């Protein structure tokens, strides 16, 4: 349910949605964290840059991979160094 909510929040492209998605990067559910990382990749918000960088430390390699792809899409030097 929360993973599906992440998808719909990303589709809204609302600033408040970004805040909710960033918060969900720390969700206890692996599925939710993975979906949030993917959802953020669809909107690539600069406001999520720092939380995404921190999310690279996630214990799940798939979540880290999705976060890295999102950071690459953002394309700022802070995201790739």
N, C-alpha and C. Protein backbone atom coordinates (compact mmCIF):
# COMPACT_ATOMS: atom_id res chain seq x y z
N UNK A 1 0.82 -1.19 0.00
CA UNK A 1 0.00 0.00 0.00
C UNK A 1 0.87 1.26 0.00
N UNK A 2 1.88 1.32 0.87
CA UNK A 2 2.74 2.52 0.92
C UNK A 2 3.57 2.65 -0.35
N UNK A 3 3.99 1.52 -0.91
CA UNK A 3 4.76 1.57 -2.15
C UNK A 3 3.91 2.14 -3.28
N UNK A 4 2.67 1.74 -3.35
CA UNK A 4 1.76 2.27 -4.36
C UNK A 4 1.52 3.76 -4.15
N UNK A 5 1.44 4.18 -2.89
CA UNK A 5 1.26 5.60 -2.58
C UNK A 5 2.46 6.41 -3.07
N UNK A 6 3.66 5.85 -2.95
CA UNK A 6 4.86 6.53 -3.43
C UNK A 6 4.77 6.78 -4.93
N UNK A 7 4.30 5.80 -5.65
CA UNK A 7 4.13 5.93 -7.11
C UNK A 7 3.18 7.08 -7.44
N UNK A 8 2.05 7.13 -6.76
CA UNK A 8 1.05 8.16 -7.04
C UNK A 8 1.52 9.54 -6.60
N UNK A 9 2.28 9.60 -5.52
CA UNK A 9 2.84 10.88 -5.10
C UNK A 9 3.78 11.42 -6.16
N UNK A 10 4.61 10.56 -6.71
CA UNK A 10 5.55 11.00 -7.75
C UNK A 10 4.81 11.52 -8.97
N UNK A 11 3.74 10.88 -9.33
CA UNK A 11 2.96 11.32 -10.50
C UNK A 11 2.39 12.72 -10.30
N UNK A 12 2.13 13.09 -9.06
CA UNK A 12 1.55 14.41 -8.79
C UNK A 12 2.56 15.54 -9.00
N UNK A 13 3.84 15.24 -8.86
CA UNK A 13 4.93 16.21 -9.02
C UNK A 13 4.72 17.46 -8.16
N UNK A 14 4.10 17.29 -7.03
CA UNK A 14 3.83 18.36 -6.08
C UNK A 14 5.00 18.46 -5.09
N UNK A 15 5.34 19.69 -4.67
CA UNK A 15 6.43 19.87 -3.71
C UNK A 15 6.17 19.12 -2.41
N UNK A 16 4.93 19.09 -1.97
CA UNK A 16 4.60 18.35 -0.75
C UNK A 16 4.78 16.86 -0.97
N UNK A 17 4.57 16.39 -2.17
CA UNK A 17 4.79 14.99 -2.48
C UNK A 17 6.27 14.65 -2.35
N UNK A 18 7.12 15.55 -2.80
CA UNK A 18 8.56 15.32 -2.68
C UNK A 18 8.95 15.18 -1.21
N UNK A 19 8.40 16.04 -0.36
CA UNK A 19 8.69 15.96 1.08
C UNK A 19 8.28 14.60 1.63
N UNK A 20 7.13 14.13 1.25
CA UNK A 20 6.64 12.84 1.73
C UNK A 20 7.52 11.70 1.21
N UNK A 21 7.93 11.79 -0.05
CA UNK A 21 8.78 10.75 -0.63
C UNK A 21 10.15 10.72 0.05
N UNK A 22 10.71 11.89 0.29
CA UNK A 22 12.01 11.95 0.97
C UNK A 22 11.92 11.31 2.34
N UNK A 23 10.86 11.61 3.05
CA UNK A 23 10.66 11.01 4.37
C UNK A 23 10.57 9.48 4.25
N UNK A 24 9.92 9.01 3.21
CA UNK A 24 9.72 7.57 3.02
C UNK A 24 11.00 6.83 2.61
N UNK A 25 12.06 7.57 2.27
CA UNK A 25 13.34 6.91 1.99
C UNK A 25 13.83 6.13 3.20
N UNK A 26 13.36 6.52 4.38
CA UNK A 26 13.75 5.84 5.61
C UNK A 26 12.73 4.83 6.10
N UNK A 27 11.77 4.48 5.27
CA UNK A 27 10.73 3.53 5.67
C UNK A 27 11.33 2.18 6.03
N UNK A 28 10.69 1.48 6.93
CA UNK A 28 11.18 0.16 7.35
C UNK A 28 10.98 -0.91 6.26
N UNK A 29 10.09 -0.65 5.32
CA UNK A 29 9.80 -1.62 4.27
C UNK A 29 10.77 -1.47 3.09
N UNK A 30 11.42 -2.56 2.77
CA UNK A 30 12.33 -2.60 1.63
C UNK A 30 11.60 -2.22 0.35
N UNK A 31 10.42 -2.76 0.16
CA UNK A 31 9.63 -2.48 -1.04
C UNK A 31 9.31 -1.00 -1.16
N UNK A 32 8.98 -0.37 -0.06
CA UNK A 32 8.66 1.06 -0.07
C UNK A 32 9.90 1.87 -0.44
N UNK A 33 11.04 1.57 0.18
CA UNK A 33 12.26 2.32 -0.12
C UNK A 33 12.64 2.19 -1.60
N UNK A 34 12.51 1.00 -2.13
CA UNK A 34 12.81 0.79 -3.55
C UNK A 34 11.87 1.61 -4.43
N UNK A 35 10.59 1.58 -4.12
CA UNK A 35 9.61 2.32 -4.92
C UNK A 35 9.82 3.82 -4.80
N UNK A 36 10.16 4.28 -3.61
CA UNK A 36 10.42 5.71 -3.42
C UNK A 36 11.61 6.15 -4.25
N UNK A 37 12.68 5.35 -4.25
CA UNK A 37 13.86 5.70 -5.05
C UNK A 37 13.47 5.78 -6.53
N UNK A 38 12.67 4.84 -6.99
CA UNK A 38 12.21 4.89 -8.38
C UNK A 38 11.31 6.11 -8.61
N UNK A 39 10.40 6.34 -7.70
CA UNK A 39 9.46 7.46 -7.85
C UNK A 39 10.21 8.78 -7.94
N UNK A 40 11.22 8.95 -7.09
CA UNK A 40 11.99 10.19 -7.13
C UNK A 40 12.74 10.33 -8.44
N UNK A 41 13.09 9.22 -9.06
CA UNK A 41 13.79 9.30 -10.35
C UNK A 41 12.91 9.84 -11.45
N UNK A 42 11.61 9.78 -11.28
CA UNK A 42 10.71 10.28 -12.31
C UNK A 42 10.56 11.79 -12.25
N UNK A 43 10.89 12.38 -11.10
CA UNK A 43 10.74 13.83 -10.97
C UNK A 43 12.06 14.55 -10.68
N UNK A 44 13.07 13.82 -10.23
CA UNK A 44 14.43 14.34 -10.02
C UNK A 44 14.46 15.69 -9.29
N UNK A 45 13.89 15.78 -8.11
CA UNK A 45 13.84 17.06 -7.41
C UNK A 45 15.18 17.41 -6.77
N UNK A 46 15.65 18.62 -6.99
CA UNK A 46 16.89 19.06 -6.35
C UNK A 46 16.76 19.07 -4.83
N UNK A 47 15.57 19.30 -4.33
CA UNK A 47 15.37 19.33 -2.88
C UNK A 47 15.63 17.98 -2.23
N UNK A 48 15.66 16.93 -3.03
CA UNK A 48 15.90 15.59 -2.49
C UNK A 48 17.37 15.18 -2.58
N UNK A 49 18.21 16.06 -3.05
CA UNK A 49 19.61 15.72 -3.29
C UNK A 49 20.30 15.15 -2.05
N UNK A 50 20.30 15.88 -0.97
CA UNK A 50 20.99 15.43 0.26
C UNK A 50 20.39 14.14 0.82
N UNK A 51 19.06 14.04 0.94
CA UNK A 51 18.50 12.77 1.42
C UNK A 51 18.83 11.59 0.52
N UNK A 52 18.90 11.82 -0.78
CA UNK A 52 19.26 10.75 -1.71
C UNK A 52 20.71 10.32 -1.50
N UNK A 53 21.59 11.28 -1.32
CA UNK A 53 22.99 10.95 -1.06
C UNK A 53 23.11 10.11 0.20
N UNK A 54 22.38 10.48 1.23
CA UNK A 54 22.39 9.69 2.47
C UNK A 54 21.82 8.29 2.23
N UNK A 55 20.82 8.19 1.35
CA UNK A 55 20.18 6.91 1.07
C UNK A 55 21.11 5.93 0.35
N UNK A 56 22.23 6.42 -0.15
CA UNK A 56 23.21 5.51 -0.76
C UNK A 56 23.79 4.54 0.27
N UNK A 57 23.56 4.83 1.53
CA UNK A 57 24.04 3.97 2.61
C UNK A 57 23.03 2.89 3.00
N UNK A 58 21.93 2.80 2.27
CA UNK A 58 20.90 1.81 2.56
C UNK A 58 21.49 0.41 2.56
N UNK A 59 20.96 -0.45 3.40
CA UNK A 59 21.47 -1.83 3.49
C UNK A 59 21.08 -2.68 2.29
N UNK A 60 20.12 -2.24 1.51
CA UNK A 60 19.65 -2.98 0.35
C UNK A 60 20.34 -2.48 -0.92
N UNK A 61 21.02 -3.37 -1.62
CA UNK A 61 21.77 -2.96 -2.81
C UNK A 61 20.86 -2.48 -3.94
N UNK A 62 19.67 -3.04 -4.06
CA UNK A 62 18.74 -2.59 -5.11
C UNK A 62 18.26 -1.17 -4.84
N UNK A 63 17.99 -0.85 -3.59
CA UNK A 63 17.60 0.51 -3.24
C UNK A 63 18.75 1.46 -3.57
N UNK A 64 19.98 1.08 -3.21
CA UNK A 64 21.15 1.91 -3.51
C UNK A 64 21.31 2.12 -5.02
N UNK A 65 21.08 1.08 -5.79
CA UNK A 65 21.19 1.18 -7.24
C UNK A 65 20.18 2.17 -7.79
N UNK A 66 18.95 2.08 -7.30
CA UNK A 66 17.90 3.00 -7.77
C UNK A 66 18.20 4.43 -7.34
N UNK A 67 18.71 4.60 -6.13
CA UNK A 67 19.09 5.94 -5.66
C UNK A 67 20.21 6.50 -6.53
N UNK A 68 21.20 5.67 -6.84
CA UNK A 68 22.32 6.13 -7.67
C UNK A 68 21.83 6.55 -9.06
N UNK A 69 20.90 5.81 -9.62
CA UNK A 69 20.33 6.18 -10.92
C UNK A 69 19.60 7.52 -10.83
N UNK A 70 18.88 7.72 -9.75
CA UNK A 70 18.17 8.98 -9.55
C UNK A 70 19.16 10.13 -9.44
N UNK A 71 20.22 9.92 -8.67
CA UNK A 71 21.23 10.97 -8.53
C UNK A 71 21.87 11.27 -9.89
N UNK A 72 22.09 10.25 -10.68
CA UNK A 72 22.63 10.46 -12.02
C UNK A 72 21.71 11.28 -12.89
N UNK A 73 20.42 11.05 -12.76
CA UNK A 73 19.44 11.82 -13.54
C UNK A 73 19.41 13.28 -13.10
N UNK A 74 19.62 13.50 -11.81
CA UNK A 74 19.65 14.90 -11.32
C UNK A 74 20.81 15.62 -11.98
N UNK A 75 21.97 14.93 -12.09
CA UNK A 75 23.07 15.44 -12.87
C UNK A 75 23.90 16.55 -12.26
N UNK A 76 23.68 16.90 -11.03
CA UNK A 76 24.49 17.93 -10.39
C UNK A 76 25.78 17.31 -9.89
N UNK A 77 26.82 18.09 -9.81
CA UNK A 77 28.12 17.55 -9.39
C UNK A 77 28.06 16.96 -7.99
N UNK A 78 27.24 17.52 -7.10
CA UNK A 78 27.12 16.98 -5.76
C UNK A 78 26.57 15.57 -5.78
N UNK A 79 25.80 15.26 -6.79
CA UNK A 79 25.17 13.95 -6.88
C UNK A 79 26.12 12.88 -7.38
N UNK A 80 27.19 13.28 -8.04
CA UNK A 80 28.06 12.27 -8.63
C UNK A 80 29.44 12.22 -8.01
N UNK A 81 29.71 13.04 -7.03
CA UNK A 81 31.02 13.00 -6.39
C UNK A 81 30.97 12.29 -5.07
